[in-house]
Amino acid sequence: MSDTRKSHLDALSISILLACCLFWGFQQVLVKATVTEVAPVFQAFVRFAIASAAVLLWCLWRGVPVSPRHESRAALWGGLLAGALFAGEFACIYIGLQYTQASRLTVFLYCAPFWVALILPRFVAGEGLRGWQWVGLAGAFVGAALALGDGLLSPAVQTQPLAWLGDLLGLAAGLMWALTTVVIRSTPVGRIAPAKQLLYQVGMSTAVLPFLSLALGETWSLQLSGFAWTSLLLQSLVGAFASYLAWMWMLAHYNATKMSSFVFLTPVFALLFGAFWLGETITPGLLAALTLVAVGIIVVNRRPRMAAGA
């Protein structure tokens, strides 16, 4: 399908991506700090329920039609599919965390840009990477893996006989994340307003995650501390509403493959926030990983030189 998306990221898109990745990294620390009061999947449900209300109000304020009657059947099914994949991603993440370490699962989750780079060009022309850009993508992934290497090499892994299941669920979550991007970029749902696209995703998650939480036997309670409520509101209104809405807007205007390379910054930012907030150590390996991620992203987004005579 034809579109008018920019093939290269400009200063505005890079600034928004950095801000999103920065908050997503901070949000991981927020979730970790809040889980003692709010069970993980229930925490995700509350986050997406509040975000769904915020997106709905945004649509009403901006005059974005929310009824399925205002879009084609193909866009409706595309939106439902994207929403189901989005909910499935979070289901895999939270179930997988029951079996493997968070660091291991995160490494597999952040294989998503590779899935996007492999799958999306099959459906959308102009989304492929050139040779050196593949090297940059691989370098960014290696940097993220190095930053999370302590989790991969931890002796605690040997005591988890079902760690392989958690790893597979992490890989599946990354694949679902990538497929959500592919669906949005390659079906008519990508032509509707970004806010409506997001409403499909957070709405479907709000419908599905409570059942998962109940199936896991989690305790539901809203008798929370001020910190827990502040955390949930930040995750909902800044994370699941503002940052995701910005991401959906950028998917409509920029190259999705190059955008995806930035997500490697998220786990690195999470480790940095963990170091400053939770007192975790910043090692030389982490600094090397930061450098590798930065160089990889620069290579992926480098404008190719024009051929002589062009």
C-alpha atoms as a PDB file:
ATOM      1  CA  MET A   1       0.000   0.000   0.000  1.00  0.00           C
ATOM      2  CA  SER A   2       1.278   3.454  -0.797  1.00  0.00           C
ATOM      3  CA  ASP A   3       1.906   6.052   1.885  1.00  0.00           C
ATOM      4  CA  THR A   4       3.701   9.304   2.530  1.00  0.00           C
ATOM      5  CA  ARG A   5       5.818   8.173   5.477  1.00  0.00           C
ATOM      6  CA  LYS A   6       9.281   9.632   5.845  1.00  0.00           C
ATOM      7  CA  SER A   7      12.037   7.135   5.098  1.00  0.00           C
ATOM      8  CA  HIS A   8      14.419   8.706   7.641  1.00  0.00           C
ATOM      9  CA  LEU A   9      13.980   9.824  11.229  1.00  0.00           C
ATOM     10  CA  ASP A  10      14.219  13.576  11.834  1.00  0.00           C
ATOM     11  CA  ALA A  11      15.000  15.519  14.996  1.00  0.00           C
ATOM     12  CA  LEU A  12      11.362  15.504  16.141  1.00  0.00           C
ATOM     13  CA  SER A  13      10.940  11.744  15.800  1.00  0.00           C
ATOM     14  CA  ILE A  14      14.299  11.005  17.470  1.00  0.00           C
ATOM     15  CA  SER A  15      13.395  13.286  20.389  1.00  0.00           C
ATOM     16  CA  ILE A  16      10.021  11.575  20.846  1.00  0.00           C
ATOM     17  CA  LEU A  17      11.579   8.105  20.591  1.00  0.00           C
ATOM     18  CA  LEU A  18      14.236   8.945  23.177  1.00  0.00           C
ATOM     19  CA  ALA A  19      11.578  10.314  25.528  1.00  0.00           C
ATOM     20  CA  CYS A  20       9.419   7.200  25.082  1.00  0.00           C
ATOM     21  CA  CYS A  21      12.308   4.781  25.648  1.00  0.00           C
ATOM     22  CA  LEU A  22      13.447   6.812  28.656  1.00  0.00           C
ATOM     23  CA  PHE A  23      10.023   6.574  30.280  1.00  0.00           C
ATOM     24  CA  TRP A  24       9.548   2.906  29.341  1.00  0.00           C
ATOM     25  CA  GLY A  25      12.835   2.139  31.076  1.00  0.00           C
ATOM     26  CA  PHE A  26      11.706   4.140  34.116  1.00  0.00           C
ATOM     27  CA  GLN A  27       8.350   2.363  34.015  1.00  0.00           C
ATOM     28  CA  GLN A  28      10.025  -1.035  34.410  1.00  0.00           C
ATOM     29  CA  VAL A  29      11.557   0.196  37.660  1.00  0.00           C
ATOM     30  CA  LEU A  30       8.160   1.579  38.699  1.00  0.00           C
ATOM     31  CA  VAL A  31       6.532  -1.814  38.103  1.00  0.00           C
ATOM     32  CA  LYS A  32       9.277  -3.546  40.088  1.00  0.00           C
ATOM     33  CA  ALA A  33       8.917  -1.074  42.958  1.00  0.00           C
ATOM     34  CA  THR A  34       5.109  -1.389  42.975  1.00  0.00           C
ATOM     35  CA  VAL A  35       4.775  -5.169  42.660  1.00  0.00           C
ATOM     36  CA  THR A  36       5.018  -5.615  46.444  1.00  0.00           C
ATOM     37  CA  GLU A  37       1.626  -3.871  46.688  1.00  0.00           C
ATOM     38  CA  VAL A  38      -0.011  -4.667  43.344  1.00  0.00           C
ATOM     39  CA  ALA A  39       0.255  -8.060  41.621  1.00  0.00           C
ATOM     40  CA  PRO A  40       1.899  -7.802  38.159  1.00  0.00           C
ATOM     41  CA  VAL A  41      -0.973  -8.781  35.829  1.00  0.00           C
ATOM     42  CA  PHE A  42      -3.541  -6.930  37.948  1.00  0.00           C
ATOM     43  CA  GLN A  43      -1.183  -3.947  37.799  1.00  0.00           C
ATOM     44  CA  ALA A  44      -1.196  -4.200  33.991  1.00  0.00           C
ATOM     45  CA  PHE A  45      -4.995  -4.487  33.950  1.00  0.00           C
ATOM     46  CA  VAL A  46      -5.448  -1.345  36.064  1.00  0.00           C
ATOM     47  CA  ARG A  47      -2.922   0.492  33.885  1.00  0.00           C
ATOM     48  CA  PHE A  48      -4.725  -0.358  30.648  1.00  0.00           C
ATOM     49  CA  ALA A  49      -8.188   0.252  32.123  1.00  0.00           C
ATOM     50  CA  ILE A  50      -7.226   3.808  33.102  1.00  0.00           C
ATOM     51  CA  ALA A  51      -5.452   4.266  29.760  1.00  0.00           C
ATOM     52  CA  SER A  52      -8.553   3.063  27.873  1.00  0.00           C
ATOM     53  CA  ALA A  53     -10.656   5.705  29.595  1.00  0.00           C
ATOM     54  CA  ALA A  54      -8.030   8.360  28.811  1.00  0.00           C
ATOM     55  CA  VAL A  55      -7.829   7.364  25.128  1.00  0.00           C
ATOM     56  CA  LEU A  56     -11.622   7.315  24.851  1.00  0.00           C
ATOM     57  CA  LEU A  57     -11.854  10.822  26.318  1.00  0.00           C
ATOM     58  CA  TRP A  58      -9.080  11.963  23.966  1.00  0.00           C
ATOM     59  CA  CYS A  59     -10.987  10.594  20.972  1.00  0.00           C
ATOM     60  CA  LEU A  60     -14.196  12.325  22.061  1.00  0.00           C
ATOM     61  CA  TRP A  61     -12.339  15.610  22.630  1.00  0.00           C
ATOM     62  CA  ARG A  62     -10.537  15.432  19.271  1.00  0.00           C
ATOM     63  CA  GLY A  63     -13.642  14.319  17.414  1.00  0.00           C
ATOM     64  CA  VAL A  64     -12.162  10.927  16.506  1.00  0.00           C
ATOM     65  CA  PRO A  65     -15.008   8.490  15.686  1.00  0.00           C
ATOM     66  CA  VAL A  66     -14.918   5.508  18.065  1.00  0.00           C
ATOM     67  CA  SER A  67     -17.747   3.489  16.560  1.00  0.00           C
ATOM     68  CA  PRO A  68     -16.739   0.616  14.225  1.00  0.00           C
ATOM     69  CA  ARG A  69     -19.408   1.892  11.798  1.00  0.00           C
ATOM     70  CA  HIS A  70     -17.026   4.672  10.755  1.00  0.00           C
ATOM     71  CA  GLU A  71     -14.395   2.293   9.320  1.00  0.00           C
ATOM     72  CA  SER A  72     -14.213  -0.570   6.863  1.00  0.00           C
ATOM     73  CA  ARG A  73     -14.634  -4.197   7.860  1.00  0.00           C
ATOM     74  CA  ALA A  74     -10.945  -4.770   7.030  1.00  0.00           C
ATOM     75  CA  ALA A  75      -9.893  -1.948   9.374  1.00  0.00           C
ATOM     76  CA  LEU A  76     -12.140  -3.339  12.124  1.00  0.00           C
ATOM     77  CA  TRP A  77     -10.646  -6.810  11.883  1.00  0.00           C
ATOM     78  CA  GLY A  78      -7.153  -5.347  11.640  1.00  0.00           C
ATOM     79  CA  GLY A  79      -7.767  -3.349  14.818  1.00  0.00           C
ATOM     80  CA  LEU A  80      -9.106  -6.373  16.684  1.00  0.00           C
ATOM     81  CA  LEU A  81      -6.132  -8.446  15.520  1.00  0.00           C
ATOM     82  CA  ALA A  82      -3.665  -5.749  16.626  1.00  0.00           C
ATOM     83  CA  GLY A  83      -5.444  -5.538  19.979  1.00  0.00           C
ATOM     84  CA  ALA A  84      -5.365  -9.297  20.461  1.00  0.00           C
ATOM     85  CA  LEU A  85      -1.644  -9.404  19.655  1.00  0.00           C
ATOM     86  CA  PHE A  86      -0.985  -6.508  22.049  1.00  0.00           C
ATOM     87  CA  ALA A  87      -2.855  -8.296  24.855  1.00  0.00           C
ATOM     88  CA  GLY A  88      -1.097 -11.563  24.012  1.00  0.00           C
ATOM     89  CA  GLU A  89       2.272  -9.846  24.257  1.00  0.00           C
ATOM     90  CA  PHE A  90       1.616  -8.785  27.832  1.00  0.00           C
ATOM     91  CA  ALA A  91       0.112 -12.159  28.710  1.00  0.00           C
ATOM     92  CA  CYS A  92       3.312 -13.883  27.531  1.00  0.00           C
ATOM     93  CA  ILE A  93       5.482 -11.401  29.443  1.00  0.00           C
ATOM     94  CA  TYR A  94       3.741 -11.817  32.765  1.00  0.00           C
ATOM     95  CA  ILE A  95       3.288 -15.580  32.527  1.00  0.00           C
ATOM     96  CA  GLY A  96       6.889 -15.977  31.375  1.00  0.00           C
ATOM     97  CA  LEU A  97       8.138 -14.080  34.398  1.00  0.00           C
ATOM     98  CA  GLN A  98       6.777 -16.902  36.553  1.00  0.00           C
ATOM     99  CA  TYR A  99       9.334 -19.294  35.035  1.00  0.00           C
ATOM    100  CA  THR A 100      12.459 -17.349  34.113  1.00  0.00           C
ATOM    101  CA  GLN A 101      14.442 -14.350  35.227  1.00  0.00           C
ATOM    102  CA  ALA A 102      13.315 -10.924  34.089  1.00  0.00           C
ATOM    103  CA  SER A 103      16.707 -10.265  32.479  1.00  0.00           C
ATOM    104  CA  ARG A 104      16.500 -13.425  30.363  1.00  0.00           C
ATOM    105  CA  LEU A 105      12.932 -12.736  29.266  1.00  0.00           C
ATOM    106  CA  THR A 106      13.775  -9.121  28.396  1.00  0.00           C
ATOM    107  CA  VAL A 107      16.587 -10.215  26.082  1.00  0.00           C
ATOM    108  CA  PHE A 108      14.158 -12.372  24.113  1.00  0.00           C
ATOM    109  CA  LEU A 109      11.423  -9.705  24.208  1.00  0.00           C
ATOM    110  CA  TYR A 110      13.786  -7.189  22.634  1.00  0.00           C
ATOM    111  CA  CYS A 111      14.276  -9.437  19.637  1.00  0.00           C
ATOM    112  CA  ALA A 112      11.162  -7.618  18.362  1.00  0.00           C
ATOM    113  CA  PRO A 113      13.100  -5.229  16.049  1.00  0.00           C
ATOM    114  CA  PHE A 114      14.631  -8.248  14.307  1.00  0.00           C
ATOM    115  CA  TRP A 115      11.155  -9.690  13.720  1.00  0.00           C
ATOM    116  CA  VAL A 116       9.988  -6.308  12.365  1.00  0.00           C
ATOM    117  CA  ALA A 117      13.023  -6.056  10.055  1.00  0.00           C
ATOM    118  CA  LEU A 118      12.457  -9.614   8.792  1.00  0.00           C
ATOM    119  CA  ILE A 119       8.675  -9.571   8.355  1.00  0.00           C
ATOM    120  CA  LEU A 120       7.562  -6.012   7.563  1.00  0.00           C
ATOM    121  CA  PRO A 121       9.476  -5.600   4.251  1.00  0.00           C
ATOM    122  CA  ARG A 122       7.490  -8.597   2.941  1.00  0.00           C
ATOM    123  CA  PHE A 123       4.334  -6.500   3.245  1.00  0.00           C
ATOM    124  CA  VAL A 124       5.458  -2.852   2.971  1.00  0.00           C
ATOM    125  CA  ALA A 125       7.955  -1.602   0.392  1.00  0.00           C
ATOM    126  CA  GLY A 126      10.688   0.700   1.653  1.00  0.00           C
ATOM    127  CA  GLU A 127      10.925  -0.838   5.133  1.00  0.00           C
ATOM    128  CA  GLY A 128      13.981  -3.014   4.447  1.00  0.00           C
ATOM    129  CA  LEU A 129      17.479  -2.417   5.823  1.00  0.00           C
ATOM    130  CA  ARG A 130      20.763  -2.347   3.891  1.00  0.00           C
ATOM    131  CA  GLY A 131      23.861  -4.336   4.814  1.00  0.00           C
ATOM    132  CA  TRP A 132      25.474  -1.909   7.247  1.00  0.00           C
ATOM    133  CA  GLN A 133      22.108  -1.150   8.824  1.00  0.00           C
ATOM    134  CA  TRP A 134      21.710  -4.855   9.623  1.00  0.00           C
ATOM    135  CA  VAL A 135      25.123  -4.682  11.309  1.00  0.00           C
ATOM    136  CA  GLY A 136      23.939  -1.693  13.331  1.00  0.00           C
ATOM    137  CA  LEU A 137      20.742  -3.513  14.353  1.00  0.00           C
ATOM    138  CA  ALA A 138      22.756  -6.542  15.422  1.00  0.00           C
ATOM    139  CA  GLY A 139      25.163  -4.289  17.355  1.00  0.00           C
ATOM    140  CA  ALA A 140      22.293  -2.611  19.215  1.00  0.00           C
ATOM    141  CA  PHE A 141      20.875  -6.012  20.181  1.00  0.00           C
ATOM    142  CA  VAL A 142      24.279  -7.236  21.372  1.00  0.00           C
ATOM    143  CA  GLY A 143      24.591  -4.087  23.465  1.00  0.00           C
ATOM    144  CA  ALA A 144      21.205  -4.718  25.092  1.00  0.00           C
ATOM    145  CA  ALA A 145      22.170  -8.350  25.702  1.00  0.00           C
ATOM    146  CA  LEU A 146      25.458  -7.286  27.324  1.00  0.00           C
ATOM    147  CA  ALA A 147      23.601  -4.864  29.576  1.00  0.00           C
ATOM    148  CA  LEU A 148      21.420  -7.735  30.734  1.00  0.00           C
ATOM    149  CA  GLY A 149      24.244 -10.281  30.804  1.00  0.00           C
ATOM    150  CA  ASP A 150      24.270 -10.646  34.571  1.00  0.00           C
ATOM    151  CA  GLY A 151      20.814 -12.173  34.380  1.00  0.00           C
ATOM    152  CA  LEU A 152      21.851 -14.569  31.644  1.00  0.00           C
ATOM    153  CA  LEU A 153      24.922 -15.794  33.564  1.00  0.00           C
ATOM    154  CA  SER A 154      23.360 -15.861  37.021  1.00  0.00           C
ATOM    155  CA  PRO A 155      23.687 -19.186  38.897  1.00  0.00           C
ATOM    156  CA  ALA A 156      20.004 -18.817  39.808  1.00  0.00           C
ATOM    157  CA  VAL A 157      19.126 -19.798  36.243  1.00  0.00           C
ATOM    158  CA  GLN A 158      20.331 -23.340  36.953  1.00  0.00           C
ATOM    159  CA  THR A 159      17.713 -23.698  39.707  1.00  0.00           C
ATOM    160  CA  GLN A 160      14.793 -22.937  37.357  1.00  0.00           C
ATOM    161  CA  PRO A 161      13.987 -26.128  35.416  1.00  0.00           C
ATOM    162  CA  LEU A 162      11.254 -24.390  33.379  1.00  0.00           C
ATOM    163  CA  ALA A 163      13.411 -21.413  32.415  1.00  0.00           C
ATOM    164  CA  TRP A 164      13.222 -22.595  28.807  1.00  0.00           C
ATOM    165  CA  LEU A 165       9.438 -22.087  28.889  1.00  0.00           C
ATOM    166  CA  GLY A 166       9.832 -18.533  30.146  1.00  0.00           C
ATOM    167  CA  ASP A 167      12.428 -17.896  27.431  1.00  0.00           C
ATOM    168  CA  LEU A 168      10.029 -19.144  24.745  1.00  0.00           C
ATOM    169  CA  LEU A 169       7.248 -16.963  26.130  1.00  0.00           C
ATOM    170  CA  GLY A 170       9.605 -13.964  26.033  1.00  0.00           C
ATOM    171  CA  LEU A 171      10.426 -14.756  22.410  1.00  0.00           C
ATOM    172  CA  ALA A 172       6.701 -15.109  21.655  1.00  0.00           C
ATOM    173  CA  ALA A 173       6.033 -11.731  23.323  1.00  0.00           C
ATOM    174  CA  GLY A 174       8.640 -10.080  21.107  1.00  0.00           C
ATOM    175  CA  LEU A 175       7.108 -11.735  18.039  1.00  0.00           C
ATOM    176  CA  MET A 176       3.620 -10.504  19.006  1.00  0.00           C
ATOM    177  CA  TRP A 177       4.982  -6.999  19.532  1.00  0.00           C
ATOM    178  CA  ALA A 178       6.502  -7.105  16.049  1.00  0.00           C
ATOM    179  CA  LEU A 179       3.349  -8.583  14.498  1.00  0.00           C
ATOM    180  CA  THR A 180       1.291  -5.785  16.056  1.00  0.00           C
ATOM    181  CA  THR A 181       3.529  -3.317  14.203  1.00  0.00           C
ATOM    182  CA  VAL A 182       3.213  -5.335  10.984  1.00  0.00           C
ATOM    183  CA  VAL A 183      -0.595  -5.436  11.222  1.00  0.00           C
ATOM    184  CA  ILE A 184      -0.794  -1.686  11.810  1.00  0.00           C
ATOM    185  CA  ARG A 185       1.584  -0.894   8.961  1.00  0.00           C
ATOM    186  CA  SER A 186       0.211  -3.348   6.384  1.00  0.00           C
ATOM    187  CA  THR A 187      -3.580  -3.331   6.863  1.00  0.00           C
ATOM    188  CA  PRO A 188      -6.271  -0.635   6.610  1.00  0.00           C
ATOM    189  CA  VAL A 189      -6.208  -0.166  10.390  1.00  0.00           C
ATOM    190  CA  GLY A 190      -3.021   1.830   9.802  1.00  0.00           C
ATOM    191  CA  ARG A 191      -5.100   4.423   7.961  1.00  0.00           C
ATOM    192  CA  ILE A 192      -7.384   5.257  10.860  1.00  0.00           C
ATOM    193  CA  ALA A 193      -6.512   7.801  13.539  1.00  0.00           C
ATOM    194  CA  PRO A 194      -3.579   6.765  15.780  1.00  0.00           C
ATOM    195  CA  ALA A 195      -5.764   7.289  18.864  1.00  0.00           C
ATOM    196  CA  LYS A 196      -8.325   4.811  17.522  1.00  0.00           C
ATOM    197  CA  GLN A 197      -5.549   2.301  16.805  1.00  0.00           C
ATOM    198  CA  LEU A 198      -4.369   2.644  20.401  1.00  0.00           C
ATOM    199  CA  LEU A 199      -7.933   2.267  21.685  1.00  0.00           C
ATOM    200  CA  TYR A 200      -8.137  -1.148  20.038  1.00  0.00           C
ATOM    201  CA  GLN A 201      -4.956  -2.240  21.817  1.00  0.00           C
ATOM    202  CA  VAL A 202      -5.528  -0.924  25.335  1.00  0.00           C
ATOM    203  CA  GLY A 203      -9.228  -1.818  25.133  1.00  0.00           C
ATOM    204  CA  MET A 204      -8.535  -5.423  24.193  1.00  0.00           C
ATOM    205  CA  SER A 205      -5.940  -5.674  26.964  1.00  0.00           C
ATOM    206  CA  THR A 206      -8.450  -4.311  29.474  1.00  0.00           C
ATOM    207  CA  ALA A 207     -10.880  -7.033  28.398  1.00  0.00           C
ATOM    208  CA  VAL A 208      -8.385  -9.924  28.470  1.00  0.00           C
ATOM    209  CA  LEU A 209      -5.928  -9.285  31.329  1.00  0.00           C
ATOM    210  CA  PRO A 210      -8.442  -9.551  34.214  1.00  0.00           C
ATOM    211  CA  PHE A 211      -9.160 -13.157  33.258  1.00  0.00           C
ATOM    212  CA  LEU A 212      -5.449 -13.915  33.152  1.00  0.00           C
ATOM    213  CA  SER A 213      -4.975 -12.297  36.560  1.00  0.00           C
ATOM    214  CA  LEU A 214      -7.791 -14.374  38.051  1.00  0.00           C
ATOM    215  CA  ALA A 215      -6.416 -17.524  36.445  1.00  0.00           C
ATOM    216  CA  LEU A 216      -3.050 -16.848  38.108  1.00  0.00           C
ATOM    217  CA  GLY A 217      -4.780 -16.457  41.476  1.00  0.00           C
ATOM    218  CA  GLU A 218      -3.670 -12.869  42.007  1.00  0.00           C
ATOM    219  CA  THR A 219      -5.134 -10.786  44.821  1.00  0.00           C
ATOM    220  CA  TRP A 220      -7.121  -7.735  43.776  1.00  0.00           C
ATOM    221  CA  SER A 221      -7.088  -4.692  46.030  1.00  0.00           C
ATOM    222  CA  LEU A 222      -7.321  -0.950  45.536  1.00  0.00           C
ATOM    223  CA  GLN A 223      -6.420  -0.147  49.146  1.00  0.00           C
ATOM    224  CA  LEU A 224      -3.015   1.163  48.110  1.00  0.00           C
ATOM    225  CA  SER A 225      -0.421   3.614  49.338  1.00  0.00           C
ATOM    226  CA  GLY A 226       0.056   7.040  47.790  1.00  0.00           C
ATOM    227  CA  PHE A 227       3.203   5.784  46.071  1.00  0.00           C
ATOM    228  CA  ALA A 228       1.369   2.833  44.478  1.00  0.00           C
ATOM    229  CA  TRP A 229      -1.400   5.071  43.147  1.00  0.00           C
ATOM    230  CA  THR A 230       1.131   7.562  41.816  1.00  0.00           C
ATOM    231  CA  SER A 231       2.956   4.698  40.104  1.00  0.00           C
ATOM    232  CA  LEU A 232      -0.242   3.353  38.530  1.00  0.00           C
ATOM    233  CA  LEU A 233      -1.272   6.806  37.301  1.00  0.00           C
ATOM    234  CA  LEU A 234       2.154   7.426  35.765  1.00  0.00           C
ATOM    235  CA  GLN A 235       2.112   4.009  34.086  1.00  0.00           C
ATOM    236  CA  SER A 236      -1.414   4.649  32.808  1.00  0.00           C
ATOM    237  CA  LEU A 237      -1.432   8.291  31.733  1.00  0.00           C
ATOM    238  CA  VAL A 238       2.206   8.792  30.723  1.00  0.00           C
ATOM    239  CA  GLY A 239       3.099   5.240  29.713  1.00  0.00           C
ATOM    240  CA  ALA A 240       0.035   3.498  28.261  1.00  0.00           C
ATOM    241  CA  PHE A 241      -1.652   6.716  27.061  1.00  0.00           C
ATOM    242  CA  ALA A 242       0.766   9.508  26.122  1.00  0.00           C
ATOM    243  CA  SER A 243       3.837   7.490  25.101  1.00  0.00           C
ATOM    244  CA  TYR A 244       1.855   4.804  23.248  1.00  0.00           C
ATOM    245  CA  LEU A 245      -0.199   7.468  21.474  1.00  0.00           C
ATOM    246  CA  ALA A 246       3.045   9.143  20.406  1.00  0.00           C
ATOM    247  CA  TRP A 247       4.352   5.765  19.176  1.00  0.00           C
ATOM    248  CA  MET A 248       1.171   5.149  17.153  1.00  0.00           C
ATOM    249  CA  TRP A 249       1.440   8.628  15.623  1.00  0.00           C
ATOM    250  CA  MET A 250       5.047   7.970  14.612  1.00  0.00           C
ATOM    251  CA  LEU A 251       4.132   4.613  13.053  1.00  0.00           C
ATOM    252  CA  ALA A 252       1.819   6.583  10.775  1.00  0.00           C
ATOM    253  CA  HIS A 253       4.568   9.016   9.715  1.00  0.00           C
ATOM    254  CA  TYR A 254       7.974   7.284   9.900  1.00  0.00           C
ATOM    255  CA  ASN A 255       9.836   4.113   8.946  1.00  0.00           C
ATOM    256  CA  ALA A 256       8.782   1.423  11.456  1.00  0.00           C
ATOM    257  CA  THR A 257      11.950  -0.669  11.064  1.00  0.00           C
ATOM    258  CA  LYS A 258      14.213   2.240  11.978  1.00  0.00           C
ATOM    259  CA  MET A 259      11.904   3.270  14.811  1.00  0.00           C
ATOM    260  CA  SER A 260      12.125  -0.222  16.252  1.00  0.00           C
ATOM    261  CA  SER A 261      15.904  -0.010  16.586  1.00  0.00           C
ATOM    262  CA  PHE A 262      15.398   2.567  19.361  1.00  0.00           C
ATOM    263  CA  VAL A 263      13.595   0.106  21.634  1.00  0.00           C
ATOM    264  CA  PHE A 264      16.986  -1.400  22.527  1.00  0.00           C
ATOM    265  CA  LEU A 265      17.497   1.691  24.687  1.00  0.00           C
ATOM    266  CA  THR A 266      14.605   0.750  26.978  1.00  0.00           C
ATOM    267  CA  PRO A 267      16.266  -2.072  28.970  1.00  0.00           C
ATOM    268  CA  VAL A 268      19.461  -0.022  29.206  1.00  0.00           C
ATOM    269  CA  PHE A 269      17.520   2.935  30.608  1.00  0.00           C
ATOM    270  CA  ALA A 270      15.830   0.523  33.012  1.00  0.00           C
ATOM    271  CA  LEU A 271      19.215  -0.573  34.337  1.00  0.00           C
ATOM    272  CA  LEU A 272      20.336   3.039  34.708  1.00  0.00           C
ATOM    273  CA  PHE A 273      17.215   3.965  36.672  1.00  0.00           C
ATOM    274  CA  GLY A 274      17.684   0.810  38.723  1.00  0.00           C
ATOM    275  CA  ALA A 275      21.205   1.904  39.552  1.00  0.00           C
ATOM    276  CA  PHE A 276      20.222   5.424  40.615  1.00  0.00           C
ATOM    277  CA  TRP A 277      16.958   4.490  42.349  1.00  0.00           C
ATOM    278  CA  LEU A 278      17.513   0.949  43.611  1.00  0.00           C
ATOM    279  CA  GLY A 279      21.265   1.213  44.144  1.00  0.00           C
ATOM    280  CA  GLU A 280      22.275  -1.327  41.491  1.00  0.00           C
ATOM    281  CA  THR A 281      25.901  -1.160  40.329  1.00  0.00           C
ATOM    282  CA  ILE A 282      26.888   0.484  37.028  1.00  0.00           C
ATOM    283  CA  THR A 283      29.701  -1.664  35.645  1.00  0.00           C
ATOM    284  CA  PRO A 284      32.190  -1.027  32.819  1.00  0.00           C
ATOM    285  CA  GLY A 285      30.225  -3.646  30.867  1.00  0.00           C
ATOM    286  CA  LEU A 286      27.095  -1.521  31.160  1.00  0.00           C
ATOM    287  CA  LEU A 287      28.942   1.543  29.875  1.00  0.00           C
ATOM    288  CA  ALA A 288      30.254  -0.522  26.953  1.00  0.00           C
ATOM    289  CA  ALA A 289      26.708  -1.728  26.280  1.00  0.00           C
ATOM    290  CA  LEU A 290      25.402   1.842  26.242  1.00  0.00           C
ATOM    291  CA  THR A 291      28.063   2.773  23.699  1.00  0.00           C
ATOM    292  CA  LEU A 292      27.255  -0.235  21.505  1.00  0.00           C
ATOM    293  CA  VAL A 293      23.516   0.503  21.568  1.00  0.00           C
ATOM    294  CA  ALA A 294      24.114   4.158  20.659  1.00  0.00           C
ATOM    295  CA  VAL A 295      26.452   3.290  17.778  1.00  0.00           C
ATOM    296  CA  GLY A 296      24.044   0.625  16.504  1.00  0.00           C
ATOM    297  CA  ILE A 297      21.138   3.059  16.405  1.00  0.00           C
ATOM    298  CA  ILE A 298      23.250   5.664  14.595  1.00  0.00           C
ATOM    299  CA  VAL A 299      24.255   3.095  11.955  1.00  0.00           C
ATOM    300  CA  VAL A 300      20.668   1.891  11.434  1.00  0.00           C
ATOM    301  CA  ASN A 301      19.430   5.454  10.925  1.00  0.00           C
ATOM    302  CA  ARG A 302      22.379   6.743   8.846  1.00  0.00           C
ATOM    303  CA  ARG A 303      21.261   8.223   5.565  1.00  0.00           C
ATOM    304  CA  PRO A 304      22.767   6.329   2.621  1.00  0.00           C
ATOM    305  CA  ARG A 305      24.999   8.314   0.289  1.00  0.00           C
ATOM    306  CA  MET A 306      23.563   9.144  -3.087  1.00  0.00           C
ATOM    307  CA  ALA A 307      25.139   7.376  -6.015  1.00  0.00           C
ATOM    308  CA  ALA A 308      27.308   9.446  -8.343  1.00  0.00           C
ATOM    309  CA  GLY A 309      25.259  11.078 -11.058  1.00  0.00           C
ATOM    310  CA  ALA A 310      21.972  10.593  -9.198  1.00  0.00           C
END
